[in-house]
Amino acid sequence: MPAMVKAMADSRGLRPDVHMHAAPAASLQSHWNDGSARKKLEGTAWDFVILQDQSATPVVAPERTMEFGGKWCARVRSAHGMPVLFLTWGRKGASGGPEPQEQKALLDTYLELARREKAAVAPVGIAWENCLKRHPGIPLYQADGRHPTAEGSYLAACVMYCTLFGKSPAGLPGKLSLKGVLLCSIPADRARKLQTVAMDTCRQLFSPPAKNRSGATGP
């Protein structure tokens, strides 16, 4: 998804410098304890640092998200950056959208962390809910009911584009490539629907931060 955000921004001439620090099933706590992600913040003035906890932690152990999310937000601010919380989607429920109680727990934890730390929020999970209500025929989940399809990743990237740059994703290409690698090829009409859902969600729920220069993803 970070590559999609960069490809979107590049298509509009924004040219952000994007880096990602991630590991399978890693949490904010494990990244904090590992220390290597913290080193990436040293000596570089990132405008934004996107923080995402392991998918289940904000639901089953919200106190850990609050504790280590707070540590990360403080570290990002000490490096003169803006922390941005990636509000994720819940597992696929019986209705085809995110499981309602899980999504509510994700929303509550991330919003409480954002209020406490004065962080920005990228409302990706809420955009998924909205999209699956408006356009149930667009598949956002892979067969495992957790991971995103190309459309799911594209929607998440559109939300992140809105949040970071404060710009509408309307008119962005559905076919995205970066350094010669094809990232996705979303039909134009479907891309427009995803762009509209992303922009509507950001407008309705959150005010995007004003900075619009370079961004970092991670840890």
N, C-alpha and C. Protein backbone atom coordinates (compact mmCIF):
# COMPACT_ATOMS: atom_id res chain seq x y z
N MET A 1 0.81 -1.22 0.00
CA MET A 1 0.00 0.00 0.00
C MET A 1 0.84 1.28 0.00
N PRO A 2 1.96 1.35 0.75
CA PRO A 2 2.78 2.57 0.67
C PRO A 2 3.25 2.88 -0.75
N ALA A 3 3.56 1.83 -1.52
CA ALA A 3 3.99 2.06 -2.90
C ALA A 3 2.87 2.67 -3.72
N MET A 4 1.63 2.25 -3.45
CA MET A 4 0.49 2.84 -4.16
C MET A 4 0.34 4.31 -3.82
N VAL A 5 0.51 4.65 -2.54
CA VAL A 5 0.40 6.06 -2.14
C VAL A 5 1.45 6.89 -2.86
N LYS A 6 2.67 6.37 -2.93
CA LYS A 6 3.73 7.12 -3.62
C LYS A 6 3.41 7.25 -5.11
N ALA A 7 2.93 6.17 -5.73
CA ALA A 7 2.60 6.22 -7.15
C ALA A 7 1.48 7.23 -7.40
N MET A 8 0.48 7.28 -6.51
CA MET A 8 -0.59 8.27 -6.64
C MET A 8 -0.03 9.68 -6.55
N ALA A 9 0.81 9.90 -5.54
CA ALA A 9 1.38 11.23 -5.35
C ALA A 9 2.29 11.62 -6.52
N ASP A 10 3.08 10.67 -7.00
CA ASP A 10 3.95 10.94 -8.14
C ASP A 10 3.14 11.35 -9.37
N SER A 11 1.96 10.73 -9.53
CA SER A 11 1.12 11.04 -10.70
C SER A 11 0.62 12.48 -10.67
N ARG A 12 0.62 13.09 -9.48
CA ARG A 12 0.20 14.49 -9.32
C ARG A 12 1.41 15.42 -9.14
N GLY A 13 2.60 14.88 -9.34
CA GLY A 13 3.80 15.71 -9.25
C GLY A 13 4.25 16.05 -7.85
N LEU A 14 3.78 15.31 -6.84
CA LEU A 14 4.12 15.63 -5.44
C LEU A 14 5.46 15.03 -5.03
N ARG A 15 5.82 13.88 -5.57
CA ARG A 15 7.14 13.24 -5.37
C ARG A 15 7.53 13.09 -3.90
N PRO A 16 6.73 12.43 -3.08
CA PRO A 16 7.11 12.25 -1.69
C PRO A 16 8.22 11.22 -1.54
N ASP A 17 8.95 11.32 -0.46
CA ASP A 17 9.98 10.34 -0.10
C ASP A 17 9.32 9.39 0.90
N VAL A 18 9.08 8.15 0.48
CA VAL A 18 8.31 7.20 1.29
C VAL A 18 9.18 6.01 1.68
N HIS A 19 9.16 5.68 2.96
CA HIS A 19 9.88 4.50 3.46
C HIS A 19 8.95 3.69 4.34
N MET A 20 9.17 2.39 4.39
CA MET A 20 8.34 1.53 5.23
C MET A 20 9.22 0.66 6.12
N HIS A 21 8.80 0.52 7.36
CA HIS A 21 9.46 -0.41 8.29
C HIS A 21 8.37 -1.32 8.81
N ALA A 22 8.40 -2.59 8.44
CA ALA A 22 7.32 -3.51 8.80
C ALA A 22 7.87 -4.92 8.96
N ALA A 23 7.11 -5.75 9.67
CA ALA A 23 7.44 -7.16 9.84
C ALA A 23 6.13 -7.92 10.04
N PRO A 24 6.06 -9.18 9.62
CA PRO A 24 4.81 -9.94 9.76
C PRO A 24 4.34 -10.02 11.21
N ALA A 25 3.08 -9.68 11.43
CA ALA A 25 2.42 -9.78 12.74
C ALA A 25 3.09 -8.92 13.82
N ALA A 26 3.89 -7.95 13.40
CA ALA A 26 4.57 -7.09 14.39
C ALA A 26 3.59 -6.11 15.00
N SER A 27 3.87 -5.72 16.23
CA SER A 27 3.02 -4.76 16.95
C SER A 27 3.82 -3.50 17.22
N LEU A 28 3.14 -2.46 17.69
CA LEU A 28 3.85 -1.25 18.11
C LEU A 28 4.81 -1.59 19.25
N GLN A 29 4.41 -2.50 20.12
CA GLN A 29 5.27 -2.91 21.22
C GLN A 29 6.53 -3.62 20.73
N SER A 30 6.37 -4.57 19.81
CA SER A 30 7.54 -5.32 19.34
C SER A 30 8.48 -4.42 18.55
N HIS A 31 7.94 -3.48 17.77
CA HIS A 31 8.80 -2.54 17.06
C HIS A 31 9.55 -1.64 18.05
N TRP A 32 8.85 -1.23 19.10
CA TRP A 32 9.50 -0.37 20.10
C TRP A 32 10.65 -1.12 20.77
N ASN A 33 10.38 -2.35 21.16
CA ASN A 33 11.40 -3.14 21.86
C ASN A 33 12.56 -3.53 20.97
N ASP A 34 12.28 -3.70 19.67
CA ASP A 34 13.34 -4.06 18.72
C ASP A 34 14.35 -2.92 18.55
N GLY A 35 13.86 -1.71 18.49
CA GLY A 35 14.74 -0.54 18.45
C GLY A 35 15.15 -0.07 17.06
N SER A 36 15.10 -0.95 16.05
CA SER A 36 15.59 -0.55 14.73
C SER A 36 14.70 0.50 14.09
N ALA A 37 13.39 0.43 14.34
CA ALA A 37 12.50 1.45 13.78
C ALA A 37 12.77 2.82 14.38
N ARG A 38 13.07 2.84 15.68
CA ARG A 38 13.37 4.12 16.33
C ARG A 38 14.60 4.76 15.71
N LYS A 39 15.57 3.93 15.33
CA LYS A 39 16.79 4.48 14.73
C LYS A 39 16.49 5.18 13.41
N LYS A 40 15.45 4.70 12.70
CA LYS A 40 15.11 5.32 11.42
C LYS A 40 14.58 6.74 11.60
N LEU A 41 14.08 7.06 12.79
CA LEU A 41 13.57 8.41 13.04
C LEU A 41 14.70 9.38 13.36
N GLU A 42 15.84 8.86 13.70
CA GLU A 42 16.94 9.72 14.13
C GLU A 42 17.65 10.34 12.94
N GLY A 43 17.81 11.63 12.99
CA GLY A 43 18.59 12.33 11.98
C GLY A 43 17.85 12.62 10.69
N THR A 44 16.55 12.31 10.62
CA THR A 44 15.75 12.58 9.42
C THR A 44 14.48 13.29 9.82
N ALA A 45 14.16 14.38 9.15
CA ALA A 45 12.97 15.18 9.49
C ALA A 45 11.80 14.71 8.64
N TRP A 46 11.06 13.70 9.12
CA TRP A 46 9.88 13.23 8.41
C TRP A 46 8.71 14.16 8.70
N ASP A 47 7.93 14.46 7.69
CA ASP A 47 6.70 15.22 7.90
C ASP A 47 5.67 14.36 8.63
N PHE A 48 5.51 13.12 8.16
CA PHE A 48 4.53 12.20 8.73
C PHE A 48 5.17 10.86 9.03
N VAL A 49 4.72 10.23 10.10
CA VAL A 49 5.08 8.84 10.38
C VAL A 49 3.78 8.10 10.66
N ILE A 50 3.49 7.11 9.85
CA ILE A 50 2.24 6.36 9.96
C ILE A 50 2.44 5.19 10.92
N LEU A 51 1.57 5.10 11.90
CA LEU A 51 1.67 4.08 12.94
C LEU A 51 0.49 3.13 12.84
N GLN A 52 0.78 1.84 12.80
CA GLN A 52 -0.28 0.83 12.75
C GLN A 52 0.09 -0.30 13.69
N ASP A 53 -0.81 -0.62 14.61
CA ASP A 53 -0.57 -1.74 15.50
C ASP A 53 -0.92 -3.05 14.81
N GLN A 54 -0.46 -4.17 15.38
CA GLN A 54 -0.88 -5.48 14.90
C GLN A 54 -2.41 -5.51 14.91
N SER A 55 -3.01 -6.14 13.92
CA SER A 55 -4.44 -5.96 13.65
C SER A 55 -5.35 -6.25 14.83
N ALA A 56 -5.02 -7.26 15.65
CA ALA A 56 -5.91 -7.64 16.75
C ALA A 56 -5.62 -6.91 18.05
N THR A 57 -4.44 -6.34 18.20
CA THR A 57 -4.05 -5.76 19.49
C THR A 57 -4.99 -4.66 19.97
N PRO A 58 -5.41 -3.71 19.13
CA PRO A 58 -6.34 -2.67 19.62
C PRO A 58 -7.67 -3.23 20.10
N VAL A 59 -7.99 -4.46 19.69
CA VAL A 59 -9.25 -5.10 20.08
C VAL A 59 -9.10 -5.90 21.37
N VAL A 60 -8.05 -6.73 21.42
CA VAL A 60 -7.90 -7.65 22.57
C VAL A 60 -7.04 -7.07 23.68
N ALA A 61 -6.20 -6.11 23.36
CA ALA A 61 -5.33 -5.51 24.38
C ALA A 61 -5.17 -4.01 24.11
N PRO A 62 -6.27 -3.25 24.17
CA PRO A 62 -6.20 -1.82 23.83
C PRO A 62 -5.23 -1.05 24.71
N GLU A 63 -5.02 -1.52 25.94
CA GLU A 63 -4.09 -0.82 26.82
C GLU A 63 -2.67 -0.85 26.26
N ARG A 64 -2.32 -1.93 25.53
CA ARG A 64 -0.99 -1.99 24.93
C ARG A 64 -0.87 -1.03 23.76
N THR A 65 -1.93 -0.94 22.97
CA THR A 65 -1.93 0.04 21.87
C THR A 65 -1.79 1.45 22.43
N MET A 66 -2.51 1.74 23.51
CA MET A 66 -2.43 3.06 24.11
C MET A 66 -1.03 3.34 24.65
N GLU A 67 -0.45 2.36 25.34
CA GLU A 67 0.87 2.57 25.94
C GLU A 67 1.95 2.78 24.89
N PHE A 68 2.04 1.83 23.95
CA PHE A 68 3.14 1.92 22.99
C PHE A 68 2.82 2.88 21.84
N GLY A 69 1.53 3.06 21.55
CA GLY A 69 1.17 4.12 20.61
C GLY A 69 1.56 5.48 21.15
N GLY A 70 1.36 5.66 22.46
CA GLY A 70 1.77 6.92 23.09
C GLY A 70 3.27 7.13 23.02
N LYS A 71 4.03 6.05 23.25
CA LYS A 71 5.49 6.16 23.15
C LYS A 71 5.93 6.55 21.75
N TRP A 72 5.29 5.90 20.75
CA TRP A 72 5.66 6.21 19.37
C TRP A 72 5.27 7.63 18.98
N CYS A 73 4.10 8.06 19.39
CA CYS A 73 3.68 9.44 19.07
C CYS A 73 4.65 10.45 19.67
N ALA A 74 5.06 10.21 20.91
CA ALA A 74 6.00 11.12 21.55
C ALA A 74 7.34 11.13 20.81
N ARG A 75 7.80 9.96 20.37
CA ARG A 75 9.07 9.89 19.65
C ARG A 75 8.97 10.59 18.30
N VAL A 76 7.85 10.41 17.61
CA VAL A 76 7.67 11.07 16.31
C VAL A 76 7.67 12.58 16.49
N ARG A 77 6.96 13.06 17.50
CA ARG A 77 6.91 14.51 17.73
C ARG A 77 8.27 15.05 18.12
N SER A 78 9.06 14.27 18.86
CA SER A 78 10.40 14.73 19.24
C SER A 78 11.29 14.87 18.01
N ALA A 79 10.93 14.14 16.94
CA ALA A 79 11.65 14.25 15.67
C ALA A 79 10.97 15.25 14.73
N HIS A 80 10.04 16.06 15.29
CA HIS A 80 9.35 17.13 14.56
C HIS A 80 8.44 16.60 13.46
N GLY A 81 7.90 15.40 13.65
CA GLY A 81 6.97 14.83 12.68
C GLY A 81 5.55 14.81 13.22
N MET A 82 4.62 14.50 12.34
CA MET A 82 3.21 14.35 12.69
C MET A 82 2.88 12.86 12.72
N PRO A 83 2.47 12.31 13.88
CA PRO A 83 2.04 10.91 13.90
C PRO A 83 0.67 10.76 13.25
N VAL A 84 0.53 9.76 12.40
CA VAL A 84 -0.73 9.47 11.72
C VAL A 84 -1.10 8.02 12.04
N LEU A 85 -2.26 7.81 12.63
CA LEU A 85 -2.70 6.48 13.03
C LEU A 85 -3.49 5.82 11.90
N PHE A 86 -3.06 4.65 11.52
CA PHE A 86 -3.73 3.87 10.47
C PHE A 86 -4.85 3.07 11.13
N LEU A 87 -6.07 3.58 11.03
CA LEU A 87 -7.23 2.91 11.61
C LEU A 87 -7.62 1.79 10.66
N THR A 88 -7.33 0.55 11.07
CA THR A 88 -7.47 -0.59 10.18
C THR A 88 -8.91 -1.10 10.10
N TRP A 89 -9.12 -2.09 9.23
CA TRP A 89 -10.43 -2.73 9.08
C TRP A 89 -10.45 -4.01 9.91
N GLY A 90 -11.64 -4.40 10.36
CA GLY A 90 -11.80 -5.65 11.08
C GLY A 90 -11.94 -6.83 10.13
N ARG A 91 -11.93 -8.01 10.71
CA ARG A 91 -12.15 -9.21 9.92
C ARG A 91 -13.52 -9.17 9.24
N LYS A 92 -13.63 -9.86 8.12
CA LYS A 92 -14.88 -9.89 7.38
C LYS A 92 -15.97 -10.56 8.22
N GLY A 93 -17.11 -9.88 8.36
CA GLY A 93 -18.22 -10.41 9.12
C GLY A 93 -19.26 -11.08 8.24
N ALA A 94 -20.34 -11.52 8.86
CA ALA A 94 -21.39 -12.24 8.14
C ALA A 94 -22.05 -11.39 7.06
N SER A 95 -22.08 -10.08 7.27
CA SER A 95 -22.73 -9.19 6.30
C SER A 95 -21.85 -8.89 5.10
N GLY A 96 -20.58 -9.29 5.16
CA GLY A 96 -19.64 -8.98 4.08
C GLY A 96 -18.74 -7.80 4.38
N GLY A 97 -19.12 -6.99 5.38
CA GLY A 97 -18.29 -5.88 5.82
C GLY A 97 -17.49 -6.26 7.05
N PRO A 98 -16.70 -5.32 7.59
CA PRO A 98 -15.95 -5.61 8.81
C PRO A 98 -16.88 -6.03 9.95
N GLU A 99 -16.46 -7.01 10.74
CA GLU A 99 -17.26 -7.48 11.86
C GLU A 99 -17.56 -6.29 12.77
N PRO A 100 -18.83 -5.97 13.04
CA PRO A 100 -19.19 -4.70 13.68
C PRO A 100 -18.53 -4.44 15.04
N GLN A 101 -18.53 -5.43 15.92
CA GLN A 101 -17.95 -5.21 17.24
C GLN A 101 -16.44 -5.02 17.17
N GLU A 102 -15.81 -5.77 16.29
CA GLU A 102 -14.36 -5.61 16.12
C GLU A 102 -14.03 -4.25 15.55
N GLN A 103 -14.82 -3.81 14.55
CA GLN A 103 -14.55 -2.50 13.95
C GLN A 103 -14.78 -1.38 14.96
N LYS A 104 -15.80 -1.54 15.80
CA LYS A 104 -16.06 -0.53 16.83
C LYS A 104 -14.90 -0.45 17.81
N ALA A 105 -14.35 -1.61 18.20
CA ALA A 105 -13.22 -1.63 19.12
C ALA A 105 -11.99 -0.97 18.49
N LEU A 106 -11.76 -1.24 17.22
CA LEU A 106 -10.65 -0.59 16.52
C LEU A 106 -10.84 0.93 16.50
N LEU A 107 -12.05 1.34 16.15
CA LEU A 107 -12.35 2.77 16.10
C LEU A 107 -12.16 3.42 17.46
N ASP A 108 -12.70 2.81 18.50
CA ASP A 108 -12.61 3.41 19.84
C ASP A 108 -11.16 3.56 20.29
N THR A 109 -10.36 2.51 20.07
CA THR A 109 -8.97 2.55 20.54
C THR A 109 -8.16 3.58 19.79
N TYR A 110 -8.27 3.57 18.46
CA TYR A 110 -7.47 4.51 17.68
C TYR A 110 -7.91 5.96 17.90
N LEU A 111 -9.20 6.19 18.04
CA LEU A 111 -9.65 7.56 18.27
C LEU A 111 -9.24 8.06 19.66
N GLU A 112 -9.29 7.18 20.64
CA GLU A 112 -8.85 7.58 21.98
C GLU A 112 -7.35 7.90 21.97
N LEU A 113 -6.57 7.08 21.26
CA LEU A 113 -5.13 7.36 21.15
C LEU A 113 -4.91 8.68 20.42
N ALA A 114 -5.67 8.92 19.36
CA ALA A 114 -5.52 10.18 18.61
C ALA A 114 -5.86 11.38 19.47
N ARG A 115 -6.93 11.27 20.26
CA ARG A 115 -7.32 12.39 21.13
C ARG A 115 -6.24 12.64 22.19
N ARG A 116 -5.75 11.56 22.78
CA ARG A 116 -4.76 11.70 23.85
C ARG A 116 -3.45 12.29 23.33
N GLU A 117 -3.05 11.85 22.14
CA GLU A 117 -1.73 12.24 21.61
C GLU A 117 -1.80 13.34 20.56
N LYS A 118 -3.02 13.83 20.27
CA LYS A 118 -3.20 14.86 19.23
C LYS A 118 -2.59 14.40 17.90
N ALA A 119 -2.87 13.15 17.56
CA ALA A 119 -2.38 12.57 16.32
C ALA A 119 -3.45 12.66 15.24
N ALA A 120 -3.05 12.61 13.99
CA ALA A 120 -3.99 12.52 12.87
C ALA A 120 -4.41 11.06 12.72
N VAL A 121 -5.53 10.85 12.04
CA VAL A 121 -6.06 9.51 11.82
C VAL A 121 -6.37 9.33 10.34
N ALA A 122 -5.94 8.19 9.79
CA ALA A 122 -6.34 7.79 8.44
C ALA A 122 -7.46 6.76 8.60
N PRO A 123 -8.72 7.13 8.31
CA PRO A 123 -9.87 6.28 8.64
C PRO A 123 -10.13 5.17 7.62
N VAL A 124 -9.14 4.33 7.42
CA VAL A 124 -9.24 3.29 6.39
C VAL A 124 -10.37 2.30 6.70
N GLY A 125 -10.44 1.82 7.94
CA GLY A 125 -11.47 0.85 8.29
C GLY A 125 -12.88 1.40 8.10
N ILE A 126 -13.05 2.68 8.38
CA ILE A 126 -14.37 3.30 8.20
C ILE A 126 -14.69 3.41 6.71
N ALA A 127 -13.69 3.69 5.90
CA ALA A 127 -13.89 3.73 4.45
C ALA A 127 -14.29 2.35 3.93
N TRP A 128 -13.70 1.30 4.50
CA TRP A 128 -14.09 -0.06 4.09
C TRP A 128 -15.56 -0.30 4.42
N GLU A 129 -15.98 0.07 5.62
CA GLU A 129 -17.39 -0.07 5.98
C GLU A 129 -18.28 0.66 5.00
N ASN A 130 -17.94 1.91 4.73
CA ASN A 130 -18.75 2.73 3.82
C ASN A 130 -18.80 2.15 2.42
N CYS A 131 -17.66 1.68 1.95
CA CYS A 131 -17.59 1.13 0.59
C CYS A 131 -18.45 -0.12 0.46
N LEU A 132 -18.36 -1.01 1.45
CA LEU A 132 -19.09 -2.27 1.36
C LEU A 132 -20.59 -2.07 1.53
N LYS A 133 -21.00 -0.95 2.14
CA LYS A 133 -22.42 -0.60 2.20
C LYS A 133 -22.90 -0.03 0.87
N ARG A 134 -22.09 0.83 0.28
CA ARG A 134 -22.48 1.47 -0.97
C ARG A 134 -22.30 0.56 -2.18
N HIS A 135 -21.20 -0.18 -2.18
CA HIS A 135 -20.81 -0.97 -3.35
C HIS A 135 -20.45 -2.40 -2.92
N PRO A 136 -21.43 -3.18 -2.49
CA PRO A 136 -21.14 -4.52 -1.99
C PRO A 136 -20.51 -5.44 -3.04
N GLY A 137 -20.61 -5.07 -4.30
CA GLY A 137 -20.03 -5.90 -5.35
C GLY A 137 -18.53 -5.70 -5.53
N ILE A 138 -17.96 -4.69 -4.89
CA ILE A 138 -16.51 -4.48 -4.99
C ILE A 138 -15.83 -5.32 -3.92
N PRO A 139 -14.99 -6.27 -4.32
CA PRO A 139 -14.35 -7.14 -3.33
C PRO A 139 -13.15 -6.45 -2.67
N LEU A 140 -13.24 -6.21 -1.38
CA LEU A 140 -12.12 -5.60 -0.66
C LEU A 140 -11.29 -6.65 0.07
N TYR A 141 -11.93 -7.76 0.46
CA TYR A 141 -11.25 -8.82 1.19
C TYR A 141 -10.80 -9.94 0.25
N GLN A 142 -9.62 -10.50 0.55
CA GLN A 142 -9.24 -11.76 -0.06
C GLN A 142 -10.06 -12.88 0.57
N ALA A 143 -9.86 -14.09 0.09
CA ALA A 143 -10.67 -15.23 0.54
C ALA A 143 -10.51 -15.52 2.03
N ASP A 144 -9.39 -15.10 2.63
CA ASP A 144 -9.17 -15.37 4.06
C ASP A 144 -9.98 -14.44 4.96
N GLY A 145 -10.65 -13.44 4.38
CA GLY A 145 -11.46 -12.54 5.17
C GLY A 145 -10.68 -11.56 6.01
N ARG A 146 -9.42 -11.40 5.73
CA ARG A 146 -8.56 -10.49 6.50
C ARG A 146 -7.76 -9.55 5.59
N HIS A 147 -7.04 -10.15 4.64
CA HIS A 147 -6.11 -9.37 3.83
C HIS A 147 -6.84 -8.69 2.67
N PRO A 148 -6.28 -7.56 2.17
CA PRO A 148 -6.96 -6.80 1.12
C PRO A 148 -6.71 -7.33 -0.28
N THR A 149 -7.71 -7.20 -1.12
CA THR A 149 -7.54 -7.37 -2.55
C THR A 149 -6.83 -6.13 -3.10
N ALA A 150 -6.61 -6.11 -4.41
CA ALA A 150 -6.06 -4.91 -5.04
C ALA A 150 -6.98 -3.72 -4.79
N GLU A 151 -8.31 -3.95 -4.86
CA GLU A 151 -9.26 -2.88 -4.61
C GLU A 151 -9.20 -2.40 -3.17
N GLY A 152 -9.04 -3.34 -2.22
CA GLY A 152 -8.92 -2.95 -0.82
C GLY A 152 -7.69 -2.12 -0.57
N SER A 153 -6.58 -2.52 -1.16
CA SER A 153 -5.34 -1.74 -1.01
C SER A 153 -5.47 -0.38 -1.67
N TYR A 154 -6.14 -0.34 -2.83
CA TYR A 154 -6.32 0.93 -3.53
C TYR A 154 -7.17 1.89 -2.70
N LEU A 155 -8.24 1.38 -2.09
CA LEU A 155 -9.08 2.22 -1.24
C LEU A 155 -8.28 2.75 -0.06
N ALA A 156 -7.49 1.87 0.58
CA ALA A 156 -6.65 2.31 1.70
C ALA A 156 -5.67 3.38 1.26
N ALA A 157 -5.09 3.21 0.08
CA ALA A 157 -4.13 4.20 -0.43
C ALA A 157 -4.82 5.53 -0.71
N CYS A 158 -6.06 5.49 -1.23
CA CYS A 158 -6.80 6.73 -1.47
C CYS A 158 -7.06 7.47 -0.16
N VAL A 159 -7.43 6.73 0.90
CA VAL A 159 -7.64 7.36 2.21
C VAL A 159 -6.35 7.98 2.71
N MET A 160 -5.25 7.26 2.56
CA MET A 160 -3.97 7.79 3.02
C MET A 160 -3.56 9.02 2.21
N TYR A 161 -3.82 9.00 0.91
CA TYR A 161 -3.53 10.15 0.06
C TYR A 161 -4.29 11.37 0.55
N CYS A 162 -5.59 11.19 0.83
CA CYS A 162 -6.40 12.31 1.36
C CYS A 162 -5.83 12.82 2.68
N THR A 163 -5.49 11.89 3.56
CA THR A 163 -5.05 12.25 4.91
C THR A 163 -3.72 12.98 4.89
N LEU A 164 -2.79 12.49 4.12
CA LEU A 164 -1.44 13.07 4.12
C LEU A 164 -1.36 14.38 3.34
N PHE A 165 -2.01 14.43 2.20
CA PHE A 165 -1.83 15.57 1.31
C PHE A 165 -2.99 16.56 1.33
N GLY A 166 -4.10 16.17 1.99
CA GLY A 166 -5.26 17.07 2.05
C GLY A 166 -5.85 17.35 0.69
N LYS A 167 -5.73 16.39 -0.22
CA LYS A 167 -6.21 16.57 -1.59
C LYS A 167 -7.19 15.45 -1.94
N SER A 168 -8.11 15.75 -2.84
CA SER A 168 -9.05 14.74 -3.30
C SER A 168 -8.33 13.72 -4.19
N PRO A 169 -8.66 12.43 -4.03
CA PRO A 169 -8.08 11.43 -4.93
C PRO A 169 -8.84 11.32 -6.25
N ALA A 170 -9.90 12.11 -6.43
CA ALA A 170 -10.68 12.04 -7.66
C ALA A 170 -9.80 12.26 -8.88
N GLY A 171 -9.91 11.37 -9.83
CA GLY A 171 -9.13 11.50 -11.05
C GLY A 171 -7.79 10.81 -11.03
N LEU A 172 -7.41 10.24 -9.89
CA LEU A 172 -6.15 9.48 -9.85
C LEU A 172 -6.26 8.27 -10.76
N PRO A 173 -5.16 7.84 -11.34
CA PRO A 173 -5.23 6.67 -12.22
C PRO A 173 -5.56 5.40 -11.44
N GLY A 174 -6.33 4.51 -12.08
CA GLY A 174 -6.61 3.21 -11.47
C GLY A 174 -5.48 2.22 -11.71
N LYS A 175 -4.69 2.49 -12.72
CA LYS A 175 -3.53 1.66 -13.01
C LYS A 175 -2.30 2.37 -12.48
N LEU A 176 -1.62 1.75 -11.53
CA LEU A 176 -0.48 2.37 -10.87
C LEU A 176 0.76 1.51 -11.01
N SER A 177 1.87 2.14 -11.31
CA SER A 177 3.16 1.46 -11.40
C SER A 177 4.20 2.28 -10.66
N LEU A 178 5.22 1.62 -10.18
CA LEU A 178 6.33 2.30 -9.51
C LEU A 178 7.62 1.59 -9.89
N LYS A 179 8.54 2.36 -10.44
CA LYS A 179 9.83 1.82 -10.89
C LYS A 179 9.65 0.63 -11.83
N GLY A 180 8.66 0.77 -12.71
CA GLY A 180 8.44 -0.26 -13.71
C GLY A 180 7.66 -1.47 -13.23
N VAL A 181 7.23 -1.48 -11.96
CA VAL A 181 6.48 -2.61 -11.41
C VAL A 181 5.00 -2.24 -11.34
N LEU A 182 4.15 -3.06 -11.93
CA LEU A 182 2.71 -2.82 -11.89
C LEU A 182 2.19 -3.12 -10.49
N LEU A 183 1.57 -2.13 -9.87
CA LEU A 183 1.03 -2.28 -8.52
C LEU A 183 -0.43 -2.71 -8.52
N CYS A 184 -1.21 -2.15 -9.44
CA CYS A 184 -2.62 -2.50 -9.56
C CYS A 184 -3.13 -2.01 -10.91
N SER A 185 -4.24 -2.59 -11.33
CA SER A 185 -4.90 -2.15 -12.55
C SER A 185 -6.40 -2.22 -12.29
N ILE A 186 -6.94 -1.15 -11.69
CA ILE A 186 -8.34 -1.07 -11.32
C ILE A 186 -9.11 -0.40 -12.46
N PRO A 187 -10.21 -1.01 -12.95
CA PRO A 187 -10.99 -0.36 -14.00
C PRO A 187 -11.39 1.05 -13.59
N ALA A 188 -11.46 1.95 -14.56
CA ALA A 188 -11.66 3.38 -14.28
C ALA A 188 -12.93 3.64 -13.48
N ASP A 189 -14.04 2.97 -13.83
CA ASP A 189 -15.29 3.23 -13.13
C ASP A 189 -15.21 2.76 -11.68
N ARG A 190 -14.54 1.64 -11.45
CA ARG A 190 -14.39 1.13 -10.09
C ARG A 190 -13.44 2.03 -9.29
N ALA A 191 -12.39 2.49 -9.93
CA ALA A 191 -11.45 3.40 -9.26
C ALA A 191 -12.17 4.67 -8.82
N ARG A 192 -13.05 5.19 -9.66
CA ARG A 192 -13.79 6.41 -9.31
C ARG A 192 -14.66 6.18 -8.06
N LYS A 193 -15.30 5.03 -7.98
CA LYS A 193 -16.12 4.72 -6.81
C LYS A 193 -15.27 4.66 -5.54
N LEU A 194 -14.12 4.02 -5.63
CA LEU A 194 -13.24 3.92 -4.47
C LEU A 194 -12.70 5.30 -4.07
N GLN A 195 -12.36 6.11 -5.05
CA GLN A 195 -11.89 7.47 -4.76
C GLN A 195 -12.96 8.28 -4.05
N THR A 196 -14.20 8.17 -4.51
CA THR A 196 -15.30 8.94 -3.91
C THR A 196 -15.55 8.50 -2.48
N VAL A 197 -15.56 7.21 -2.22
CA VAL A 197 -15.76 6.72 -0.86
C VAL A 197 -14.64 7.23 0.05
N ALA A 198 -13.42 7.17 -0.41
CA ALA A 198 -12.29 7.64 0.40
C ALA A 198 -12.43 9.11 0.75
N MET A 199 -12.74 9.93 -0.25
CA MET A 199 -12.84 11.36 -0.01
C MET A 199 -14.02 11.68 0.89
N ASP A 200 -15.16 11.04 0.67
CA ASP A 200 -16.33 11.29 1.51
C ASP A 200 -16.05 10.91 2.96
N THR A 201 -15.36 9.79 3.17
CA THR A 201 -15.05 9.35 4.53
C THR A 201 -14.13 10.34 5.22
N CYS A 202 -13.12 10.79 4.53
CA CYS A 202 -12.19 11.76 5.13
C CYS A 202 -12.89 13.08 5.42
N ARG A 203 -13.73 13.53 4.54
CA ARG A 203 -14.44 14.80 4.74
C ARG A 203 -15.43 14.72 5.91
N GLN A 204 -16.10 13.61 6.01
CA GLN A 204 -17.15 13.47 7.02
C GLN A 204 -16.60 13.27 8.42
N LEU A 205 -15.48 12.58 8.53
CA LEU A 205 -15.02 12.16 9.86
C LEU A 205 -13.82 12.92 10.39
N PHE A 206 -12.90 13.30 9.53
CA PHE A 206 -11.65 13.87 10.02
C PHE A 206 -11.19 15.01 9.13
N SER A 207 -10.43 15.91 9.74
CA SER A 207 -9.78 16.98 8.99
C SER A 207 -8.34 16.56 8.73
N PRO A 208 -7.93 16.44 7.46
CA PRO A 208 -6.57 16.02 7.18
C PRO A 208 -5.57 17.07 7.62
N PRO A 209 -4.33 16.66 8.00
CA PRO A 209 -3.30 17.62 8.38
C PRO A 209 -2.92 18.50 7.21
N ALA A 210 -2.38 19.67 7.52
CA ALA A 210 -2.15 20.68 6.50
C ALA A 210 -0.86 20.47 5.72
N LYS A 211 0.10 19.73 6.27
CA LYS A 211 1.37 19.58 5.57
C LYS A 211 1.16 18.78 4.29
N ASN A 212 2.00 19.02 3.31
CA ASN A 212 1.83 18.27 2.07
C ASN A 212 3.16 18.03 1.36
N ARG A 213 4.18 17.75 2.15
CA ARG A 213 5.49 17.56 1.51
C ARG A 213 5.85 16.08 1.44
N SER A 214 6.70 15.57 2.29
CA SER A 214 7.12 14.18 2.18
C SER A 214 6.53 13.37 3.32
N GLY A 215 6.50 12.05 3.17
CA GLY A 215 5.90 11.20 4.19
C GLY A 215 6.69 9.95 4.45
N ALA A 216 6.48 9.36 5.61
CA ALA A 216 7.11 8.09 5.94
C ALA A 216 6.06 7.14 6.45
N THR A 217 6.20 5.86 6.16
CA THR A 217 5.29 4.88 6.71
C THR A 217 6.05 3.99 7.67
N GLY A 218 5.40 3.61 8.75
CA GLY A 218 6.02 2.70 9.70
C GLY A 218 5.80 3.21 11.09
N PRO A 219 6.21 2.55 12.09
CA PRO A 219 7.02 1.35 11.96
C PRO A 219 6.14 0.18 11.58
